[in-house]
Amino acid sequence: MKKTPITILLIDDHEVVRQGLRTLLSLEKDLHIVGEASTVAAALTETARLRPHVVLLDMKLPDGTGPETCGQLLELSPDTRVLMLTSFADEAMVVGAVRSGAHGYLLKDVRAHDLTAAIRTVAGGQSYLDPRVAQQTLTWIRHQGKPGQTAPPQGLAQLSPQERAILPLLAEGKTNKEIAINLRLSDKTVKNYLAHIFDKLQVRRRTEAVAWYLKNVRSHSMIQNA
């Protein structure tokens, strides 16, 4: 049975970037670009009209920012997945994108294979963070707390040690299988742990759990010593 192609909307204010992406992605049989936009206004119109599976969204547009646009796009089309594609590796921008509901964050100098893999990962319901920004962002977040701040944020205390160990891996964009391998668990066990985490944190999906983690976890010791 032939699989339905993943439909993609390109949102970037640079025509050369859009042309490059169109040329690259046209080589993939399961990826189909259905439209383009260079402004927030056009992005909203095209998203409402096309309802793409995935939106490749630039972090900065002439009439708005990526995070703001992401939130508006998801209001219009909740089933659409948003993958930020940007040249900005700033930690605060990554956090802002995740908090806005973005399902992935990728740098523009990514290799072609990794770009298509990220699109498929996000389209398949998983989250994706470029490894180059994931580690530095987590390090940055862990050092935001002031010395002596050891009280865990509300919600973290409800999690078991194993559930707390899963959160950082989730924030790094790892799949259930990768988490299972890292923690020496079965895929089914990881799935069950995630269900418990979502319930305890009162979130519905992986990106919301990642956003909660990025927003609330302030230091490495908070995770290590809780």
C-alpha atoms as a PDB file:
ATOM      1  CA  MET A   1       0.000   0.000   0.000  1.00  0.00           C
ATOM      2  CA  LYS A   2       1.366   3.388  -1.008  1.00  0.00           C
ATOM      3  CA  LYS A   3       1.960   5.763   1.895  1.00  0.00           C
ATOM      4  CA  THR A   4       0.409   9.209   1.905  1.00  0.00           C
ATOM      5  CA  PRO A   5       3.149  11.815   1.322  1.00  0.00           C
ATOM      6  CA  ILE A   6       4.031  14.167   4.157  1.00  0.00           C
ATOM      7  CA  THR A   7       2.790  17.598   3.089  1.00  0.00           C
ATOM      8  CA  ILE A   8       5.059  20.536   3.934  1.00  0.00           C
ATOM      9  CA  LEU A   9       4.604  24.299   4.052  1.00  0.00           C
ATOM     10  CA  LEU A  10       7.794  26.380   3.807  1.00  0.00           C
ATOM     11  CA  ILE A  11       7.820  29.652   5.762  1.00  0.00           C
ATOM     12  CA  ASP A  12      10.943  31.763   5.279  1.00  0.00           C
ATOM     13  CA  ASP A  13      11.437  35.336   4.110  1.00  0.00           C
ATOM     14  CA  HIS A  14      14.457  34.436   1.973  1.00  0.00           C
ATOM     15  CA  GLU A  15      13.503  33.217  -1.486  1.00  0.00           C
ATOM     16  CA  VAL A  16      16.867  31.514  -2.004  1.00  0.00           C
ATOM     17  CA  VAL A  17      16.344  29.445   1.160  1.00  0.00           C
ATOM     18  CA  ARG A  18      12.877  28.370   0.032  1.00  0.00           C
ATOM     19  CA  GLN A  19      14.176  27.429  -3.418  1.00  0.00           C
ATOM     20  CA  GLY A  20      16.977  25.403  -1.889  1.00  0.00           C
ATOM     21  CA  LEU A  21      14.596  23.544   0.400  1.00  0.00           C
ATOM     22  CA  ARG A  22      12.167  22.889  -2.440  1.00  0.00           C
ATOM     23  CA  THR A  23      14.970  21.466  -4.616  1.00  0.00           C
ATOM     24  CA  LEU A  24      16.312  19.298  -1.804  1.00  0.00           C
ATOM     25  CA  LEU A  25      12.992  17.951  -0.543  1.00  0.00           C
ATOM     26  CA  SER A  26      11.668  17.263  -4.041  1.00  0.00           C
ATOM     27  CA  LEU A  27      14.176  14.400  -4.197  1.00  0.00           C
ATOM     28  CA  GLU A  28      12.292  12.583  -1.423  1.00  0.00           C
ATOM     29  CA  LYS A  29       9.280  10.591  -2.666  1.00  0.00           C
ATOM     30  CA  ASP A  30       7.453  10.721   0.663  1.00  0.00           C
ATOM     31  CA  LEU A  31       7.840  14.501   1.142  1.00  0.00           C
ATOM     32  CA  HIS A  32       5.650  16.943  -0.785  1.00  0.00           C
ATOM     33  CA  ILE A  33       5.865  20.739  -0.547  1.00  0.00           C
ATOM     34  CA  VAL A  34       2.370  22.157  -0.934  1.00  0.00           C
ATOM     35  CA  GLY A  35       3.069  25.847  -0.415  1.00  0.00           C
ATOM     36  CA  GLU A  36       5.361  28.686   0.618  1.00  0.00           C
ATOM     37  CA  ALA A  37       5.081  31.906   2.611  1.00  0.00           C
ATOM     38  CA  SER A  38       7.471  34.743   3.437  1.00  0.00           C
ATOM     39  CA  THR A  39       5.454  36.606   6.093  1.00  0.00           C
ATOM     40  CA  VAL A  40       3.388  35.749   9.156  1.00  0.00           C
ATOM     41  CA  ALA A  41       0.214  36.941   7.465  1.00  0.00           C
ATOM     42  CA  ALA A  42       0.796  34.714   4.452  1.00  0.00           C
ATOM     43  CA  ALA A  43       1.813  31.824   6.701  1.00  0.00           C
ATOM     44  CA  LEU A  44      -1.476  31.984   8.588  1.00  0.00           C
ATOM     45  CA  THR A  45      -3.478  32.143   5.372  1.00  0.00           C
ATOM     46  CA  GLU A  46      -1.654  29.231   3.783  1.00  0.00           C
ATOM     47  CA  THR A  47      -1.779  27.089   6.912  1.00  0.00           C
ATOM     48  CA  ALA A  48      -5.536  27.556   7.216  1.00  0.00           C
ATOM     49  CA  ARG A  49      -5.971  26.750   3.532  1.00  0.00           C
ATOM     50  CA  LEU A  50      -3.580  23.827   3.156  1.00  0.00           C
ATOM     51  CA  ARG A  51      -3.553  22.183   6.620  1.00  0.00           C
ATOM     52  CA  PRO A  52      -0.057  20.759   6.024  1.00  0.00           C
ATOM     53  CA  HIS A  53       1.358  17.880   8.026  1.00  0.00           C
ATOM     54  CA  VAL A  54       4.533  19.848   8.755  1.00  0.00           C
ATOM     55  CA  VAL A  55       5.462  23.531   8.683  1.00  0.00           C
ATOM     56  CA  LEU A  56       9.132  24.461   8.319  1.00  0.00           C
ATOM     57  CA  LEU A  57       9.196  27.806  10.106  1.00  0.00           C
ATOM     58  CA  ASP A  58      11.955  30.405  10.204  1.00  0.00           C
ATOM     59  CA  MET A  59      12.667  31.967  13.596  1.00  0.00           C
ATOM     60  CA  LYS A  60      12.447  35.566  12.378  1.00  0.00           C
ATOM     61  CA  LEU A  61      10.022  36.978   9.817  1.00  0.00           C
ATOM     62  CA  PRO A  62       9.450  40.579   8.659  1.00  0.00           C
ATOM     63  CA  ASP A  63       6.165  40.905  10.549  1.00  0.00           C
ATOM     64  CA  GLY A  64       6.678  38.649  13.561  1.00  0.00           C
ATOM     65  CA  THR A  65       8.752  36.089  15.428  1.00  0.00           C
ATOM     66  CA  GLY A  66       8.842  32.329  15.063  1.00  0.00           C
ATOM     67  CA  PRO A  67       7.399  31.512  18.507  1.00  0.00           C
ATOM     68  CA  GLU A  68       4.522  33.951  18.087  1.00  0.00           C
ATOM     69  CA  THR A  69       3.789  32.587  14.631  1.00  0.00           C
ATOM     70  CA  CYS A  70       4.023  28.997  15.852  1.00  0.00           C
ATOM     71  CA  GLY A  71       1.334  29.551  18.468  1.00  0.00           C
ATOM     72  CA  GLN A  72      -0.987  31.157  15.913  1.00  0.00           C
ATOM     73  CA  LEU A  73      -0.423  28.390  13.381  1.00  0.00           C
ATOM     74  CA  LEU A  74      -1.270  25.687  15.912  1.00  0.00           C
ATOM     75  CA  GLU A  75      -4.464  27.502  16.860  1.00  0.00           C
ATOM     76  CA  LEU A  76      -5.503  27.451  13.201  1.00  0.00           C
ATOM     77  CA  SER A  77      -4.403  23.878  12.545  1.00  0.00           C
ATOM     78  CA  PRO A  78      -3.845  21.867  15.767  1.00  0.00           C
ATOM     79  CA  ASP A  79      -2.848  18.723  13.883  1.00  0.00           C
ATOM     80  CA  THR A  80      -0.042  20.478  12.011  1.00  0.00           C
ATOM     81  CA  ARG A  81       3.474  19.842  13.294  1.00  0.00           C
ATOM     82  CA  VAL A  82       5.880  22.788  13.483  1.00  0.00           C
ATOM     83  CA  LEU A  83       9.603  22.360  12.898  1.00  0.00           C
ATOM     84  CA  MET A  84      11.661  25.504  13.473  1.00  0.00           C
ATOM     85  CA  LEU A  85      14.419  25.829  10.866  1.00  0.00           C
ATOM     86  CA  THR A  86      16.738  28.683  11.713  1.00  0.00           C
ATOM     87  CA  SER A  87      20.300  29.926  11.846  1.00  0.00           C
ATOM     88  CA  PHE A  88      19.910  31.004  15.485  1.00  0.00           C
ATOM     89  CA  ALA A  89      21.369  28.679  18.118  1.00  0.00           C
ATOM     90  CA  ASP A  90      20.625  31.046  21.017  1.00  0.00           C
ATOM     91  CA  GLU A  91      19.460  29.068  24.041  1.00  0.00           C
ATOM     92  CA  ALA A  92      16.665  31.466  24.975  1.00  0.00           C
ATOM     93  CA  MET A  93      15.271  31.238  21.443  1.00  0.00           C
ATOM     94  CA  VAL A  94      15.176  27.444  21.652  1.00  0.00           C
ATOM     95  CA  VAL A  95      13.293  27.631  24.942  1.00  0.00           C
ATOM     96  CA  GLY A  96      10.896  30.196  23.496  1.00  0.00           C
ATOM     97  CA  ALA A  97      10.193  28.008  20.487  1.00  0.00           C
ATOM     98  CA  VAL A  98       9.472  24.947  22.607  1.00  0.00           C
ATOM     99  CA  ARG A  99       7.231  26.916  24.944  1.00  0.00           C
ATOM    100  CA  SER A 100       5.246  28.173  21.956  1.00  0.00           C
ATOM    101  CA  GLY A 101       4.432  24.578  21.021  1.00  0.00           C
ATOM    102  CA  ALA A 102       7.057  23.884  18.357  1.00  0.00           C
ATOM    103  CA  HIS A 103       7.618  20.173  17.808  1.00  0.00           C
ATOM    104  CA  GLY A 104      11.214  20.533  16.680  1.00  0.00           C
ATOM    105  CA  TYR A 105      14.155  22.911  16.359  1.00  0.00           C
ATOM    106  CA  LEU A 106      16.791  22.586  13.668  1.00  0.00           C
ATOM    107  CA  LEU A 107      19.709  24.729  12.481  1.00  0.00           C
ATOM    108  CA  LYS A 108      19.821  25.700   8.803  1.00  0.00           C
ATOM    109  CA  ASP A 109      23.311  24.333   8.225  1.00  0.00           C
ATOM    110  CA  VAL A 110      21.995  20.853   8.991  1.00  0.00           C
ATOM    111  CA  ARG A 111      22.954  18.005   6.673  1.00  0.00           C
ATOM    112  CA  ALA A 112      20.345  17.010   4.099  1.00  0.00           C
ATOM    113  CA  HIS A 113      19.903  13.553   5.619  1.00  0.00           C
ATOM    114  CA  ASP A 114      19.317  14.984   9.093  1.00  0.00           C
ATOM    115  CA  LEU A 115      16.797  17.506   7.766  1.00  0.00           C
ATOM    116  CA  THR A 116      14.657  14.872   6.083  1.00  0.00           C
ATOM    117  CA  ALA A 117      14.985  12.623   9.134  1.00  0.00           C
ATOM    118  CA  ALA A 118      13.828  15.476  11.392  1.00  0.00           C
ATOM    119  CA  ILE A 119      10.808  16.154   9.169  1.00  0.00           C
ATOM    120  CA  ARG A 120       9.797  12.502   9.247  1.00  0.00           C
ATOM    121  CA  THR A 121      10.362  12.317  13.014  1.00  0.00           C
ATOM    122  CA  VAL A 122       8.186  15.345  13.689  1.00  0.00           C
ATOM    123  CA  ALA A 123       5.518  14.226  11.205  1.00  0.00           C
ATOM    124  CA  GLY A 124       5.445  10.856  12.969  1.00  0.00           C
ATOM    125  CA  GLY A 125       4.441  12.440  16.257  1.00  0.00           C
ATOM    126  CA  GLN A 126       7.856  12.678  17.904  1.00  0.00           C
ATOM    127  CA  SER A 127       9.852  15.727  18.968  1.00  0.00           C
ATOM    128  CA  TYR A 128      13.205  16.718  17.514  1.00  0.00           C
ATOM    129  CA  LEU A 129      15.919  19.022  18.850  1.00  0.00           C
ATOM    130  CA  ASP A 130      19.099  19.588  16.884  1.00  0.00           C
ATOM    131  CA  PRO A 131      21.793  17.847  18.992  1.00  0.00           C
ATOM    132  CA  ARG A 132      24.000  20.941  18.647  1.00  0.00           C
ATOM    133  CA  VAL A 133      21.467  23.123  20.465  1.00  0.00           C
ATOM    134  CA  ALA A 134      20.002  20.487  22.762  1.00  0.00           C
ATOM    135  CA  GLN A 135      23.068  20.023  24.911  1.00  0.00           C
ATOM    136  CA  GLN A 136      24.010  23.696  25.190  1.00  0.00           C
ATOM    137  CA  THR A 137      20.400  24.659  25.926  1.00  0.00           C
ATOM    138  CA  LEU A 138      20.069  22.104  28.696  1.00  0.00           C
ATOM    139  CA  THR A 139      23.397  23.245  30.152  1.00  0.00           C
ATOM    140  CA  TRP A 140      22.254  26.859  29.993  1.00  0.00           C
ATOM    141  CA  ILE A 141      18.965  26.055  31.731  1.00  0.00           C
ATOM    142  CA  ARG A 142      20.672  24.040  34.422  1.00  0.00           C
ATOM    143  CA  HIS A 143      22.846  27.022  35.314  1.00  0.00           C
ATOM    144  CA  GLN A 144      20.045  29.566  35.557  1.00  0.00           C
ATOM    145  CA  GLY A 145      19.364  28.790  39.196  1.00  0.00           C
ATOM    146  CA  LYS A 146      21.127  30.706  41.969  1.00  0.00           C
ATOM    147  CA  PRO A 147      23.306  28.962  44.571  1.00  0.00           C
ATOM    148  CA  GLY A 148      21.202  27.534  47.361  1.00  0.00           C
ATOM    149  CA  GLN A 149      18.040  27.076  45.262  1.00  0.00           C
ATOM    150  CA  THR A 150      17.415  23.397  45.858  1.00  0.00           C
ATOM    151  CA  ALA A 151      13.632  23.188  46.138  1.00  0.00           C
ATOM    152  CA  PRO A 152      12.222  21.297  43.150  1.00  0.00           C
ATOM    153  CA  PRO A 153       9.500  22.989  41.100  1.00  0.00           C
ATOM    154  CA  GLN A 154       5.913  22.023  41.724  1.00  0.00           C
ATOM    155  CA  GLY A 155       5.227  18.768  39.924  1.00  0.00           C
ATOM    156  CA  LEU A 156       8.755  17.375  39.937  1.00  0.00           C
ATOM    157  CA  ALA A 157       8.391  15.951  43.427  1.00  0.00           C
ATOM    158  CA  GLN A 158       5.506  13.803  42.158  1.00  0.00           C
ATOM    159  CA  LEU A 159       7.739  12.008  39.695  1.00  0.00           C
ATOM    160  CA  SER A 160       9.632   8.852  40.509  1.00  0.00           C
ATOM    161  CA  PRO A 161      13.437   8.791  40.084  1.00  0.00           C
ATOM    162  CA  GLN A 162      13.036   6.871  36.818  1.00  0.00           C
ATOM    163  CA  GLU A 163      10.487   9.365  35.514  1.00  0.00           C
ATOM    164  CA  ARG A 164      12.829  12.234  36.398  1.00  0.00           C
ATOM    165  CA  ALA A 165      15.623  10.509  34.495  1.00  0.00           C
ATOM    166  CA  ILE A 166      13.433  10.321  31.401  1.00  0.00           C
ATOM    167  CA  LEU A 167      12.646  14.049  31.237  1.00  0.00           C
ATOM    168  CA  PRO A 168      16.130  15.270  30.163  1.00  0.00           C
ATOM    169  CA  LEU A 169      16.272  12.572  27.492  1.00  0.00           C
ATOM    170  CA  LEU A 170      12.848  13.623  26.279  1.00  0.00           C
ATOM    171  CA  ALA A 171      14.067  17.218  26.080  1.00  0.00           C
ATOM    172  CA  GLU A 172      16.990  16.080  23.930  1.00  0.00           C
ATOM    173  CA  GLY A 173      14.505  14.815  21.361  1.00  0.00           C
ATOM    174  CA  LYS A 174      15.176  11.122  21.901  1.00  0.00           C
ATOM    175  CA  THR A 175      12.606   8.589  20.738  1.00  0.00           C
ATOM    176  CA  ASN A 176      11.048   6.010  23.065  1.00  0.00           C
ATOM    177  CA  LYS A 177      13.450   3.400  21.710  1.00  0.00           C
ATOM    178  CA  GLU A 178      16.492   5.612  22.312  1.00  0.00           C
ATOM    179  CA  ILE A 179      15.314   6.384  25.857  1.00  0.00           C
ATOM    180  CA  ALA A 180      14.784   2.669  26.456  1.00  0.00           C
ATOM    181  CA  ILE A 181      18.323   1.885  25.300  1.00  0.00           C
ATOM    182  CA  ASN A 182      19.798   4.717  27.370  1.00  0.00           C
ATOM    183  CA  LEU A 183      18.028   3.639  30.570  1.00  0.00           C
ATOM    184  CA  ARG A 184      18.085  -0.104  29.828  1.00  0.00           C
ATOM    185  CA  LEU A 185      14.326  -0.398  29.795  1.00  0.00           C
ATOM    186  CA  SER A 186      11.848  -1.913  27.373  1.00  0.00           C
ATOM    187  CA  ASP A 187       9.990   0.278  24.871  1.00  0.00           C
ATOM    188  CA  LYS A 188       6.711  -0.621  26.579  1.00  0.00           C
ATOM    189  CA  THR A 189       8.051   0.397  29.993  1.00  0.00           C
ATOM    190  CA  VAL A 190       9.166   3.781  28.629  1.00  0.00           C
ATOM    191  CA  LYS A 191       5.735   4.288  27.082  1.00  0.00           C
ATOM    192  CA  ASN A 192       4.098   3.560  30.440  1.00  0.00           C
ATOM    193  CA  TYR A 193       6.470   5.939  32.243  1.00  0.00           C
ATOM    194  CA  LEU A 194       5.643   8.690  29.738  1.00  0.00           C
ATOM    195  CA  ALA A 195       1.929   8.194  30.329  1.00  0.00           C
ATOM    196  CA  HIS A 196       2.507   8.611  34.084  1.00  0.00           C
ATOM    197  CA  ILE A 197       4.682  11.702  33.496  1.00  0.00           C
ATOM    198  CA  PHE A 198       2.049  13.329  31.290  1.00  0.00           C
ATOM    199  CA  ASP A 199      -0.634  12.617  33.870  1.00  0.00           C
ATOM    200  CA  LYS A 200       1.386  13.969  36.800  1.00  0.00           C
ATOM    201  CA  LEU A 201       2.492  17.107  34.960  1.00  0.00           C
ATOM    202  CA  GLN A 202      -0.996  17.548  33.483  1.00  0.00           C
ATOM    203  CA  VAL A 203       0.236  17.711  29.905  1.00  0.00           C
ATOM    204  CA  ARG A 204      -1.028  15.913  26.818  1.00  0.00           C
ATOM    205  CA  ARG A 205       1.986  15.444  24.583  1.00  0.00           C
ATOM    206  CA  ARG A 206       5.753  15.169  24.485  1.00  0.00           C
ATOM    207  CA  THR A 207       6.417  18.772  23.494  1.00  0.00           C
ATOM    208  CA  GLU A 208       4.335  20.039  26.416  1.00  0.00           C
ATOM    209  CA  ALA A 209       6.366  17.858  28.792  1.00  0.00           C
ATOM    210  CA  VAL A 210       9.589  19.200  27.258  1.00  0.00           C
ATOM    211  CA  ALA A 211       8.294  22.775  27.601  1.00  0.00           C
ATOM    212  CA  TRP A 212       7.478  22.105  31.272  1.00  0.00           C
ATOM    213  CA  TYR A 213      10.969  20.704  31.825  1.00  0.00           C
ATOM    214  CA  LEU A 214      12.706  23.604  30.112  1.00  0.00           C
ATOM    215  CA  LYS A 215      10.632  26.130  32.029  1.00  0.00           C
ATOM    216  CA  ASN A 216      10.859  24.605  35.490  1.00  0.00           C
ATOM    217  CA  VAL A 217      14.102  22.697  35.898  1.00  0.00           C
ATOM    218  CA  ARG A 218      16.739  25.202  37.020  1.00  0.00           C
ATOM    219  CA  SER A 219      19.864  23.234  37.770  1.00  0.00           C
ATOM    220  CA  HIS A 220      21.581  19.945  37.141  1.00  0.00           C
ATOM    221  CA  SER A 221      21.583  19.127  40.821  1.00  0.00           C
ATOM    222  CA  MET A 222      17.803  19.444  40.952  1.00  0.00           C
ATOM    223  CA  ILE A 223      17.540  16.416  38.700  1.00  0.00           C
ATOM    224  CA  GLN A 224      20.528  14.538  40.092  1.00  0.00           C
ATOM    225  CA  ASN A 225      19.663  14.939  43.773  1.00  0.00           C
ATOM    226  CA  ALA A 226      15.858  14.931  43.766  1.00  0.00           C
END
